[in-house]
C-alpha atoms as a PDB file:
ATOM      1  CA  UNK A   1      86.058-280.846  -9.805  1.00  0.00           C
ATOM      2  CA  UNK A   2      88.688-278.246  -8.935  1.00  0.00           C
ATOM      3  CA  UNK A   3      88.197-276.675 -12.366  1.00  0.00           C
ATOM      4  CA  UNK A   4      84.465-276.367 -11.752  1.00  0.00           C
ATOM      5  CA  UNK A   5      85.079-274.754  -8.368  1.00  0.00           C
ATOM      6  CA  UNK A   6      87.472-272.230  -9.929  1.00  0.00           C
ATOM      7  CA  UNK A   7      84.931-271.360 -12.621  1.00  0.00           C
ATOM      8  CA  UNK A   8      82.186-270.876 -10.037  1.00  0.00           C
ATOM      9  CA  UNK A   9      84.471-268.703  -7.916  1.00  0.00           C
ATOM     10  CA  UNK A  10      85.436-266.614 -10.960  1.00  0.00           C
ATOM     11  CA  UNK A  11      81.835-265.945 -11.950  1.00  0.00           C
ATOM     12  CA  UNK A  12      80.889-265.308  -8.346  1.00  0.00           C
ATOM     13  CA  UNK A  13      83.594-262.674  -8.006  1.00  0.00           C
ATOM     14  CA  UNK A  14      82.643-261.179 -11.382  1.00  0.00           C
ATOM     15  CA  UNK A  15      78.966-260.899 -10.409  1.00  0.00           C
ATOM     16  CA  UNK A  16      79.954-259.318  -7.094  1.00  0.00           C
ATOM     17  CA  UNK A  17      82.132-256.721  -8.841  1.00  0.00           C
ATOM     18  CA  UNK A  18      79.472-255.873 -11.434  1.00  0.00           C
ATOM     19  CA  UNK A  19      76.821-255.629  -8.736  1.00  0.00           C
ATOM     20  CA  UNK A  20      79.029-253.359  -6.661  1.00  0.00           C
ATOM     21  CA  UNK A  21      79.612-251.093  -9.653  1.00  0.00           C
ATOM     22  CA  UNK A  22      75.883-250.706 -10.301  1.00  0.00           C
ATOM     23  CA  UNK A  23      75.192-250.115  -6.606  1.00  0.00           C
ATOM     24  CA  UNK A  24      77.975-247.520  -6.574  1.00  0.00           C
ATOM     25  CA  UNK A  25      76.538-245.761  -9.610  1.00  0.00           C
ATOM     26  CA  UNK A  26      73.109-245.716  -7.992  1.00  0.00           C
ATOM     27  CA  UNK A  27      74.475-244.284  -4.760  1.00  0.00           C
ATOM     28  CA  UNK A  28      76.556-241.702  -6.620  1.00  0.00           C
ATOM     29  CA  UNK A  29      73.630-240.660  -8.791  1.00  0.00           C
ATOM     30  CA  UNK A  30      71.422-240.305  -5.728  1.00  0.00           C
ATOM     31  CA  UNK A  31      74.118-238.399  -3.892  1.00  0.00           C
ATOM     32  CA  UNK A  32      74.536-235.928  -6.703  1.00  0.00           C
ATOM     33  CA  UNK A  33      70.832-235.308  -7.280  1.00  0.00           C
ATOM     34  CA  UNK A  34      70.035-231.639  -7.038  1.00  0.00           C
ATOM     35  CA  UNK A  35      66.949-229.808  -5.949  1.00  0.00           C
ATOM     36  CA  UNK A  36      65.323-227.428  -8.366  1.00  0.00           C
ATOM     37  CA  UNK A  37      62.466-224.950  -8.475  1.00  0.00           C
ATOM     38  CA  UNK A  38      60.408-224.164 -11.550  1.00  0.00           C
ATOM     39  CA  UNK A  39      59.902-220.425 -12.011  1.00  0.00           C
ATOM     40  CA  UNK A  40      58.052-218.048 -14.318  1.00  0.00           C
ATOM     41  CA  UNK A  41      59.071-214.475 -15.026  1.00  0.00           C
ATOM     42  CA  UNK A  42      56.273-212.361 -16.494  1.00  0.00           C
ATOM     43  CA  UNK A  43      57.635-209.941 -19.089  1.00  0.00           C
ATOM     44  CA  UNK A  44      56.503-206.364 -18.475  1.00  0.00           C
ATOM     45  CA  UNK A  45      57.807-204.487 -21.521  1.00  0.00           C
ATOM     46  CA  UNK A  46      58.037-204.601 -25.290  1.00  0.00           C
ATOM     47  CA  UNK A  47      61.741-204.589 -26.150  1.00  0.00           C
ATOM     48  CA  UNK A  48      63.916-204.686 -29.273  1.00  0.00           C
ATOM     49  CA  UNK A  49      66.855-206.823 -28.125  1.00  0.00           C
ATOM     50  CA  UNK A  50      67.334-210.224 -26.530  1.00  0.00           C
ATOM     51  CA  UNK A  51      70.625-210.801 -24.690  1.00  0.00           C
ATOM     52  CA  UNK A  52      71.259-214.256 -23.210  1.00  0.00           C
ATOM     53  CA  UNK A  53      74.525-215.421 -21.657  1.00  0.00           C
ATOM     54  CA  UNK A  54      74.183-218.688 -19.732  1.00  0.00           C
ATOM     55  CA  UNK A  55      76.446-221.665 -19.147  1.00  0.00           C
ATOM     56  CA  UNK A  56      74.230-224.744 -19.225  1.00  0.00           C
ATOM     57  CA  UNK A  57      70.675-224.676 -20.552  1.00  0.00           C
ATOM     58  CA  UNK A  58      68.510-225.411 -23.558  1.00  0.00           C
ATOM     59  CA  UNK A  59      67.061-222.166 -24.918  1.00  0.00           C
ATOM     60  CA  UNK A  60      63.763-221.989 -26.773  1.00  0.00           C
ATOM     61  CA  UNK A  61      62.188-218.800 -28.136  1.00  0.00           C
ATOM     62  CA  UNK A  62      58.618-219.245 -29.350  1.00  0.00           C
ATOM     63  CA  UNK A  63      55.546-217.148 -30.205  1.00  0.00           C
ATOM     64  CA  UNK A  64      52.789-216.721 -27.661  1.00  0.00           C
ATOM     65  CA  UNK A  65      49.402-218.290 -28.279  1.00  0.00           C
ATOM     66  CA  UNK A  66      47.514-216.350 -25.582  1.00  0.00           C
ATOM     67  CA  UNK A  67      48.928-212.801 -25.922  1.00  0.00           C
ATOM     68  CA  UNK A  68      51.138-213.091 -22.836  1.00  0.00           C
ATOM     69  CA  UNK A  69      54.942-212.873 -22.703  1.00  0.00           C
ATOM     70  CA  UNK A  70      56.972-214.783 -20.131  1.00  0.00           C
ATOM     71  CA  UNK A  71      60.148-216.714 -19.356  1.00  0.00           C
ATOM     72  CA  UNK A  72      59.848-220.199 -17.865  1.00  0.00           C
ATOM     73  CA  UNK A  73      63.027-221.574 -16.327  1.00  0.00           C
ATOM     74  CA  UNK A  74      64.415-223.717 -13.531  1.00  0.00           C
ATOM     75  CA  UNK A  75      66.586-222.553 -10.641  1.00  0.00           C
ATOM     76  CA  UNK A  76      68.877-225.159  -9.114  1.00  0.00           C
ATOM     77  CA  UNK A  77      70.760-225.092  -5.829  1.00  0.00           C
ATOM     78  CA  UNK A  78      73.942-223.937  -7.535  1.00  0.00           C
ATOM     79  CA  UNK A  79      72.633-222.616 -10.843  1.00  0.00           C
ATOM     80  CA  UNK A  80      70.594-219.448 -10.516  1.00  0.00           C
ATOM     81  CA  UNK A  81      69.212-217.374 -13.367  1.00  0.00           C
ATOM     82  CA  UNK A  82      68.831-213.615 -13.445  1.00  0.00           C
ATOM     83  CA  UNK A  83      65.987-212.457 -15.687  1.00  0.00           C
ATOM     84  CA  UNK A  84      65.096-208.827 -16.301  1.00  0.00           C
ATOM     85  CA  UNK A  85      63.488-206.714 -18.986  1.00  0.00           C
ATOM     86  CA  UNK A  86      63.050-203.066 -19.857  1.00  0.00           C
ATOM     87  CA  UNK A  87      61.994-201.112 -22.921  1.00  0.00           C
ATOM     88  CA  UNK A  88      65.353-201.877 -24.557  1.00  0.00           C
ATOM     89  CA  UNK A  89      66.102-205.535 -23.846  1.00  0.00           C
ATOM     90  CA  UNK A  90      65.348-208.869 -22.280  1.00  0.00           C
ATOM     91  CA  UNK A  91      68.435-209.995 -20.371  1.00  0.00           C
ATOM     92  CA  UNK A  92      69.097-213.475 -19.007  1.00  0.00           C
ATOM     93  CA  UNK A  93      72.315-214.498 -17.271  1.00  0.00           C
ATOM     94  CA  UNK A  94      73.329-217.392 -15.035  1.00  0.00           C
ATOM     95  CA  UNK A  95      75.405-217.699 -11.886  1.00  0.00           C
ATOM     96  CA  UNK A  96      77.348-220.963 -11.679  1.00  0.00           C
ATOM     97  CA  UNK A  97      80.253-219.801  -9.535  1.00  0.00           C
ATOM     98  CA  UNK A  98      79.434-222.290  -6.748  1.00  0.00           C
ATOM     99  CA  UNK A  99      79.569-225.364  -8.995  1.00  0.00           C
ATOM    100  CA  UNK A 100      82.349-227.875  -8.395  1.00  0.00           C
ATOM    101  CA  UNK A 101      84.220-229.081 -11.463  1.00  0.00           C
ATOM    102  CA  UNK A 102      82.402-232.437 -11.501  1.00  0.00           C
ATOM    103  CA  UNK A 103      79.007-230.750 -11.245  1.00  0.00           C
ATOM    104  CA  UNK A 104      79.490-229.286 -14.705  1.00  0.00           C
ATOM    105  CA  UNK A 105      79.089-232.853 -15.993  1.00  0.00           C
ATOM    106  CA  UNK A 106      75.459-233.783 -16.640  1.00  0.00           C
ATOM    107  CA  UNK A 107      75.859-237.230 -15.023  1.00  0.00           C
ATOM    108  CA  UNK A 108      76.730-235.692 -11.679  1.00  0.00           C
ATOM    109  CA  UNK A 109      74.755-232.503 -12.019  1.00  0.00           C
ATOM    110  CA  UNK A 110      71.495-234.170 -13.097  1.00  0.00           C
ATOM    111  CA  UNK A 111      70.418-230.971 -14.852  1.00  0.00           C
ATOM    112  CA  UNK A 112      68.178-232.635 -17.446  1.00  0.00           C
ATOM    113  CA  UNK A 113      65.349-230.188 -16.638  1.00  0.00           C
ATOM    114  CA  UNK A 114      67.545-227.184 -17.273  1.00  0.00           C
ATOM    115  CA  UNK A 115      65.574-225.344 -19.924  1.00  0.00           C
ATOM    116  CA  UNK A 116      64.759-221.692 -20.587  1.00  0.00           C
ATOM    117  CA  UNK A 117      61.567-221.157 -22.577  1.00  0.00           C
ATOM    118  CA  UNK A 118      60.904-217.596 -23.747  1.00  0.00           C
ATOM    119  CA  UNK A 119      57.349-217.002 -24.935  1.00  0.00           C
ATOM    120  CA  UNK A 120      56.742-213.687 -26.703  1.00  0.00           C
ATOM    121  CA  UNK A 121      53.566-211.926 -27.822  1.00  0.00           C
ATOM    122  CA  UNK A 122      55.479-209.544 -30.130  1.00  0.00           C
ATOM    123  CA  UNK A 123      57.682-210.571 -33.020  1.00  0.00           C
ATOM    124  CA  UNK A 124      59.982-207.795 -34.322  1.00  0.00           C
ATOM    125  CA  UNK A 125      63.479-207.282 -32.907  1.00  0.00           C
ATOM    126  CA  UNK A 126      66.784-205.585 -33.636  1.00  0.00           C
ATOM    127  CA  UNK A 127      69.251-208.088 -32.173  1.00  0.00           C
ATOM    128  CA  UNK A 128      69.389-211.611 -30.832  1.00  0.00           C
ATOM    129  CA  UNK A 129      72.618-212.126 -28.850  1.00  0.00           C
ATOM    130  CA  UNK A 130      72.693-215.655 -27.461  1.00  0.00           C
ATOM    131  CA  UNK A 131      75.628-217.422 -25.812  1.00  0.00           C
ATOM    132  CA  UNK A 132      75.658-220.795 -24.073  1.00  0.00           C
ATOM    133  CA  UNK A 133      78.327-223.377 -23.266  1.00  0.00           C
ATOM    134  CA  UNK A 134      76.137-226.475 -23.182  1.00  0.00           C
ATOM    135  CA  UNK A 135      72.614-226.682 -24.550  1.00  0.00           C
ATOM    136  CA  UNK A 136      70.466-226.537 -27.658  1.00  0.00           C
ATOM    137  CA  UNK A 137      69.202-223.242 -29.067  1.00  0.00           C
ATOM    138  CA  UNK A 138      65.909-223.106 -30.936  1.00  0.00           C
ATOM    139  CA  UNK A 139      64.246-219.994 -32.371  1.00  0.00           C
ATOM    140  CA  UNK A 140      60.881-221.003 -33.742  1.00  0.00           C
ATOM    141  CA  UNK A 141      59.009-219.541 -36.718  1.00  0.00           C
ATOM    142  CA  UNK A 142      57.188-216.243 -36.375  1.00  0.00           C
ATOM    143  CA  UNK A 143      59.918-213.733 -35.514  1.00  0.00           C
ATOM    144  CA  UNK A 144      61.910-211.154 -37.462  1.00  0.00           C
ATOM    145  CA  UNK A 145      65.194-209.673 -36.273  1.00  0.00           C
ATOM    146  CA  UNK A 146      67.734-207.435 -37.953  1.00  0.00           C
ATOM    147  CA  UNK A 147      70.832-209.184 -36.620  1.00  0.00           C
ATOM    148  CA  UNK A 148      71.644-212.441 -34.847  1.00  0.00           C
ATOM    149  CA  UNK A 149      74.840-213.437 -33.030  1.00  0.00           C
ATOM    150  CA  UNK A 150      74.830-216.965 -31.625  1.00  0.00           C
ATOM    151  CA  UNK A 151      77.704-218.726 -29.862  1.00  0.00           C
ATOM    152  CA  UNK A 152      77.455-222.267 -28.491  1.00  0.00           C
ATOM    153  CA  UNK A 153      80.107-224.759 -27.395  1.00  0.00           C
ATOM    154  CA  UNK A 154      78.039-227.949 -27.304  1.00  0.00           C
ATOM    155  CA  UNK A 155      74.509-228.164 -28.666  1.00  0.00           C
ATOM    156  CA  UNK A 156      72.351-227.946 -31.768  1.00  0.00           C
ATOM    157  CA  UNK A 157      71.235-224.587 -33.154  1.00  0.00           C
ATOM    158  CA  UNK A 158      67.977-224.160 -35.068  1.00  0.00           C
ATOM    159  CA  UNK A 159      67.070-220.669 -36.316  1.00  0.00           C
ATOM    160  CA  UNK A 160      63.703-220.890 -38.046  1.00  0.00           C
ATOM    161  CA  UNK A 161      62.770-217.191 -38.172  1.00  0.00           C
ATOM    162  CA  UNK A 162      63.641-214.381 -40.556  1.00  0.00           C
ATOM    163  CA  UNK A 163      66.846-212.346 -40.205  1.00  0.00           C
ATOM    164  CA  UNK A 164      66.940-209.103 -42.188  1.00  0.00           C
ATOM    165  CA  UNK A 165      70.574-207.960 -42.110  1.00  0.00           C
ATOM    166  CA  UNK A 166      73.291-210.354 -40.954  1.00  0.00           C
ATOM    167  CA  UNK A 167      73.884-213.480 -38.899  1.00  0.00           C
ATOM    168  CA  UNK A 168      76.978-214.869 -37.200  1.00  0.00           C
ATOM    169  CA  UNK A 169      76.846-218.399 -35.769  1.00  0.00           C
ATOM    170  CA  UNK A 170      79.801-220.076 -34.045  1.00  0.00           C
ATOM    171  CA  UNK A 171      79.599-223.567 -32.555  1.00  0.00           C
ATOM    172  CA  UNK A 172      82.117-226.173 -31.430  1.00  0.00           C
ATOM    173  CA  UNK A 173      79.962-229.302 -31.433  1.00  0.00           C
ATOM    174  CA  UNK A 174      76.441-229.534 -32.797  1.00  0.00           C
ATOM    175  CA  UNK A 175      74.258-229.249 -35.870  1.00  0.00           C
ATOM    176  CA  UNK A 176      73.394-225.785 -37.221  1.00  0.00           C
ATOM    177  CA  UNK A 177      70.177-225.135 -39.149  1.00  0.00           C
ATOM    178  CA  UNK A 178      69.106-221.796 -40.625  1.00  0.00           C
ATOM    179  CA  UNK A 179      65.781-221.619 -42.436  1.00  0.00           C
ATOM    180  CA  UNK A 180      63.495-219.053 -44.056  1.00  0.00           C
ATOM    181  CA  UNK A 181      65.799-216.025 -43.820  1.00  0.00           C
ATOM    182  CA  UNK A 182      66.172-213.150 -46.275  1.00  0.00           C
ATOM    183  CA  UNK A 183      69.179-210.985 -45.428  1.00  0.00           C
ATOM    184  CA  UNK A 184      70.505-207.768 -46.930  1.00  0.00           C
ATOM    185  CA  UNK A 185      74.011-208.496 -45.579  1.00  0.00           C
ATOM    186  CA  UNK A 186      76.178-211.556 -44.936  1.00  0.00           C
ATOM    187  CA  UNK A 187      75.994-214.954 -43.247  1.00  0.00           C
ATOM    188  CA  UNK A 188      78.994-216.371 -41.370  1.00  0.00           C
ATOM    189  CA  UNK A 189      78.835-219.874 -39.872  1.00  0.00           C
ATOM    190  CA  UNK A 190      81.723-221.661 -38.151  1.00  0.00           C
ATOM    191  CA  UNK A 191      81.604-225.064 -36.477  1.00  0.00           C
ATOM    192  CA  UNK A 192      84.180-227.655 -35.482  1.00  0.00           C
ATOM    193  CA  UNK A 193      82.030-230.785 -35.386  1.00  0.00           C
ATOM    194  CA  UNK A 194      78.517-230.831 -36.760  1.00  0.00           C
ATOM    195  CA  UNK A 195      76.412-230.556 -39.866  1.00  0.00           C
ATOM    196  CA  UNK A 196      75.288-227.254 -41.408  1.00  0.00           C
ATOM    197  CA  UNK A 197      71.880-227.086 -43.085  1.00  0.00           C
ATOM    198  CA  UNK A 198      70.407-224.024 -44.816  1.00  0.00           C
ATOM    199  CA  UNK A 199      67.003-223.912 -46.483  1.00  0.00           C
ATOM    200  CA  UNK A 200      65.126-221.073 -48.185  1.00  0.00           C
ATOM    201  CA  UNK A 201      67.795-218.475 -47.473  1.00  0.00           C
ATOM    202  CA  UNK A 202      68.846-215.315 -49.344  1.00  0.00           C
ATOM    203  CA  UNK A 203      71.835-213.060 -48.579  1.00  0.00           C
ATOM    204  CA  UNK A 204      74.660-211.028 -50.108  1.00  0.00           C
ATOM    205  CA  UNK A 205      77.466-213.433 -49.197  1.00  0.00           C
ATOM    206  CA  UNK A 206      77.817-216.599 -47.163  1.00  0.00           C
ATOM    207  CA  UNK A 207      80.895-218.160 -45.568  1.00  0.00           C
ATOM    208  CA  UNK A 208      80.632-221.625 -43.988  1.00  0.00           C
ATOM    209  CA  UNK A 209      83.585-223.335 -42.317  1.00  0.00           C
ATOM    210  CA  UNK A 210      83.452-226.761 -40.673  1.00  0.00           C
ATOM    211  CA  UNK A 211      86.086-229.277 -39.622  1.00  0.00           C
ATOM    212  CA  UNK A 212      83.879-232.366 -39.466  1.00  0.00           C
ATOM    213  CA  UNK A 213      80.358-232.432 -40.836  1.00  0.00           C
ATOM    214  CA  UNK A 214      78.220-232.304 -43.942  1.00  0.00           C
ATOM    215  CA  UNK A 215      77.051-229.008 -45.435  1.00  0.00           C
ATOM    216  CA  UNK A 216      73.685-228.923 -47.205  1.00  0.00           C
ATOM    217  CA  UNK A 217      72.058-225.984 -49.000  1.00  0.00           C
ATOM    218  CA  UNK A 218      68.530-226.117 -50.390  1.00  0.00           C
ATOM    219  CA  UNK A 219      67.058-223.153 -52.231  1.00  0.00           C
ATOM    220  CA  UNK A 220      69.860-220.875 -51.048  1.00  0.00           C
ATOM    221  CA  UNK A 221      70.215-217.808 -53.278  1.00  0.00           C
ATOM    222  CA  UNK A 222      73.274-215.614 -52.695  1.00  0.00           C
ATOM    223  CA  UNK A 223      73.843-212.356 -54.544  1.00  0.00           C
ATOM    224  CA  UNK A 224      77.650-212.404 -54.641  1.00  0.00           C
ATOM    225  CA  UNK A 225      79.649-215.372 -53.344  1.00  0.00           C
ATOM    226  CA  UNK A 226      79.144-218.743 -51.679  1.00  0.00           C
ATOM    227  CA  UNK A 227      82.228-219.988 -49.815  1.00  0.00           C
ATOM    228  CA  UNK A 228      82.149-223.410 -48.134  1.00  0.00           C
ATOM    229  CA  UNK A 229      85.184-225.121 -46.603  1.00  0.00           C
ATOM    230  CA  UNK A 230      84.957-228.557 -44.964  1.00  0.00           C
ATOM    231  CA  UNK A 231      87.835-230.703 -43.761  1.00  0.00           C
ATOM    232  CA  UNK A 232      85.790-233.897 -43.573  1.00  0.00           C
ATOM    233  CA  UNK A 233      82.279-233.998 -44.990  1.00  0.00           C
ATOM    234  CA  UNK A 234      80.118-233.825 -48.073  1.00  0.00           C
ATOM    235  CA  UNK A 235      78.975-230.522 -49.565  1.00  0.00           C
ATOM    236  CA  UNK A 236      75.590-230.572 -51.299  1.00  0.00           C
ATOM    237  CA  UNK A 237      73.854-227.641 -53.009  1.00  0.00           C
ATOM    238  CA  UNK A 238      70.283-228.200 -54.229  1.00  0.00           C
ATOM    239  CA  UNK A 239      68.491-225.598 -56.365  1.00  0.00           C
ATOM    240  CA  UNK A 240      70.923-222.969 -55.115  1.00  0.00           C
ATOM    241  CA  UNK A 241      72.972-220.246 -56.768  1.00  0.00           C
ATOM    242  CA  UNK A 242      75.378-217.324 -56.476  1.00  0.00           C
ATOM    243  CA  UNK A 243      77.386-215.152 -58.807  1.00  0.00           C
ATOM    244  CA  UNK A 244      80.546-217.057 -57.829  1.00  0.00           C
ATOM    245  CA  UNK A 245      81.187-220.144 -55.715  1.00  0.00           C
ATOM    246  CA  UNK A 246      84.204-221.566 -53.897  1.00  0.00           C
ATOM    247  CA  UNK A 247      83.697-225.092 -52.530  1.00  0.00           C
ATOM    248  CA  UNK A 248      86.477-227.042 -50.808  1.00  0.00           C
ATOM    249  CA  UNK A 249      86.578-230.371 -48.964  1.00  0.00           C
ATOM    250  CA  UNK A 250      89.526-232.534 -47.976  1.00  0.00           C
ATOM    251  CA  UNK A 251      87.476-235.706 -47.686  1.00  0.00           C
ATOM    252  CA  UNK A 252      83.990-235.760 -49.168  1.00  0.00           C
ATOM    253  CA  UNK A 253      81.844-235.513 -52.263  1.00  0.00           C
ATOM    254  CA  UNK A 254      80.812-232.113 -53.618  1.00  0.00           C
ATOM    255  CA  UNK A 255      77.576-232.272 -55.579  1.00  0.00           C
ATOM    256  CA  UNK A 256      74.646-230.094 -56.476  1.00  0.00           C
ATOM    257  CA  UNK A 257      72.291-228.369 -58.871  1.00  0.00           C
ATOM    258  CA  UNK A 258      72.684-224.670 -59.709  1.00  0.00           C
ATOM    259  CA  UNK A 259      70.128-222.320 -61.223  1.00  0.00           C
ATOM    260  CA  UNK A 260      72.404-220.545 -63.733  1.00  0.00           C
ATOM    261  CA  UNK A 261      75.398-221.514 -65.921  1.00  0.00           C
ATOM    262  CA  UNK A 262      78.868-221.272 -64.431  1.00  0.00           C
ATOM    263  CA  UNK A 263      82.461-221.621 -65.507  1.00  0.00           C
ATOM    264  CA  UNK A 264      83.333-224.762 -63.580  1.00  0.00           C
ATOM    265  CA  UNK A 265      86.918-225.202 -62.368  1.00  0.00           C
ATOM    266  CA  UNK A 266      86.968-228.614 -60.678  1.00  0.00           C
ATOM    267  CA  UNK A 267      89.770-230.764 -59.257  1.00  0.00           C
ATOM    268  CA  UNK A 268      89.803-233.991 -57.259  1.00  0.00           C
ATOM    269  CA  UNK A 269      92.768-236.197 -56.403  1.00  0.00           C
ATOM    270  CA  UNK A 270      90.694-239.346 -55.989  1.00  0.00           C
ATOM    271  CA  UNK A 271      87.228-239.352 -57.525  1.00  0.00           C
ATOM    272  CA  UNK A 272      85.101-238.640 -60.570  1.00  0.00           C
ATOM    273  CA  UNK A 273      84.286-235.235 -62.082  1.00  0.00           C
ATOM    274  CA  UNK A 274      81.055-234.580 -63.942  1.00  0.00           C
ATOM    275  CA  UNK A 275      80.238-230.887 -64.480  1.00  0.00           C
ATOM    276  CA  UNK A 276      78.622-229.017 -67.400  1.00  0.00           C
ATOM    277  CA  UNK A 277      80.752-227.264 -69.996  1.00  0.00           C
ATOM    278  CA  UNK A 278      79.122-223.861 -69.554  1.00  0.00           C
ATOM    279  CA  UNK A 279      80.231-220.273 -69.103  1.00  0.00           C
ATOM    280  CA  UNK A 280      79.383-217.744 -66.402  1.00  0.00           C
ATOM    281  CA  UNK A 281      80.629-216.777 -62.968  1.00  0.00           C
ATOM    282  CA  UNK A 282      83.428-218.946 -61.625  1.00  0.00           C
ATOM    283  CA  UNK A 283      82.560-222.050 -59.632  1.00  0.00           C
ATOM    284  CA  UNK A 284      85.783-223.391 -58.105  1.00  0.00           C
ATOM    285  CA  UNK A 285      85.448-226.877 -56.648  1.00  0.00           C
ATOM    286  CA  UNK A 286      88.270-228.789 -54.954  1.00  0.00           C
ATOM    287  CA  UNK A 287      88.319-232.054 -53.015  1.00  0.00           C
ATOM    288  CA  UNK A 288      91.160-234.434 -52.209  1.00  0.00           C
ATOM    289  CA  UNK A 289      89.056-237.552 -51.837  1.00  0.00           C
ATOM    290  CA  UNK A 290      85.588-237.497 -53.366  1.00  0.00           C
ATOM    291  CA  UNK A 291      83.452-237.040 -56.455  1.00  0.00           C
ATOM    292  CA  UNK A 292      82.421-233.722 -58.002  1.00  0.00           C
ATOM    293  CA  UNK A 293      79.046-233.824 -59.741  1.00  0.00           C
ATOM    294  CA  UNK A 294      77.013-230.755 -60.725  1.00  0.00           C
ATOM    295  CA  UNK A 295      74.122-229.900 -62.989  1.00  0.00           C
ATOM    296  CA  UNK A 296      72.650-226.583 -64.122  1.00  0.00           C
ATOM    297  CA  UNK A 297      68.888-226.204 -64.225  1.00  0.00           C
ATOM    298  CA  UNK A 298      67.601-224.615 -67.418  1.00  0.00           C
END
């Protein structure tokens, strides 16, 4: 009987604690709810540059379907956005100086509606300069810019429009995708944690560096050199090519199909090697733990 009483008391206390935790979370969430106001800025000019420097927001740039250009965004009590445009640039910045340290955390800030949507009726630009600490960045199809510089700490990056000269993308955590770009200069991509995916891309040179994440190329044609370095992750090249290639991974398979013969120089500490015995530009492949498998399309 005493044992039964102890068990009942134990579960009673446990239920009380769990209930109190959920009530506390509910009260805390309610307490930290923030008021916001949806706003629209009507763009007055046709400009050549887009400069964005914000702390916490998803950023979407998309073509207009009605001929009008605008910026839709949300102002919060302690996050205000400054939007302006002239004949040179569209400029968007944020003011978060009043935020407490805990309000930078989404759970307490409740900033799930924090999104900046830029809708443009014109499609040719010189530069995209975009910087954000937390948030996804998406540039939809339909635009052409000469140069793109994108920096993000936490968030996915999708660039689906054409870049003519060069692109520099730096991210700490998040997937990076670059599609449908034909550049006359170089591509530089650096990320700490996240996959890198390129599709239908041409350039002079490309350098990709990642600590943790897979790297995938599909129909990527580089004039001079492809350089990919991954600490942990697979490297896959499909229907891609360059004059020379340098592919390195500490832990991961390196596989692919190239469009022209190469002189393969391959080494793996633990894994299989299967590459063609052909001659051409050097393709240096090194992995500590993983297989190396390549084919050359005739």
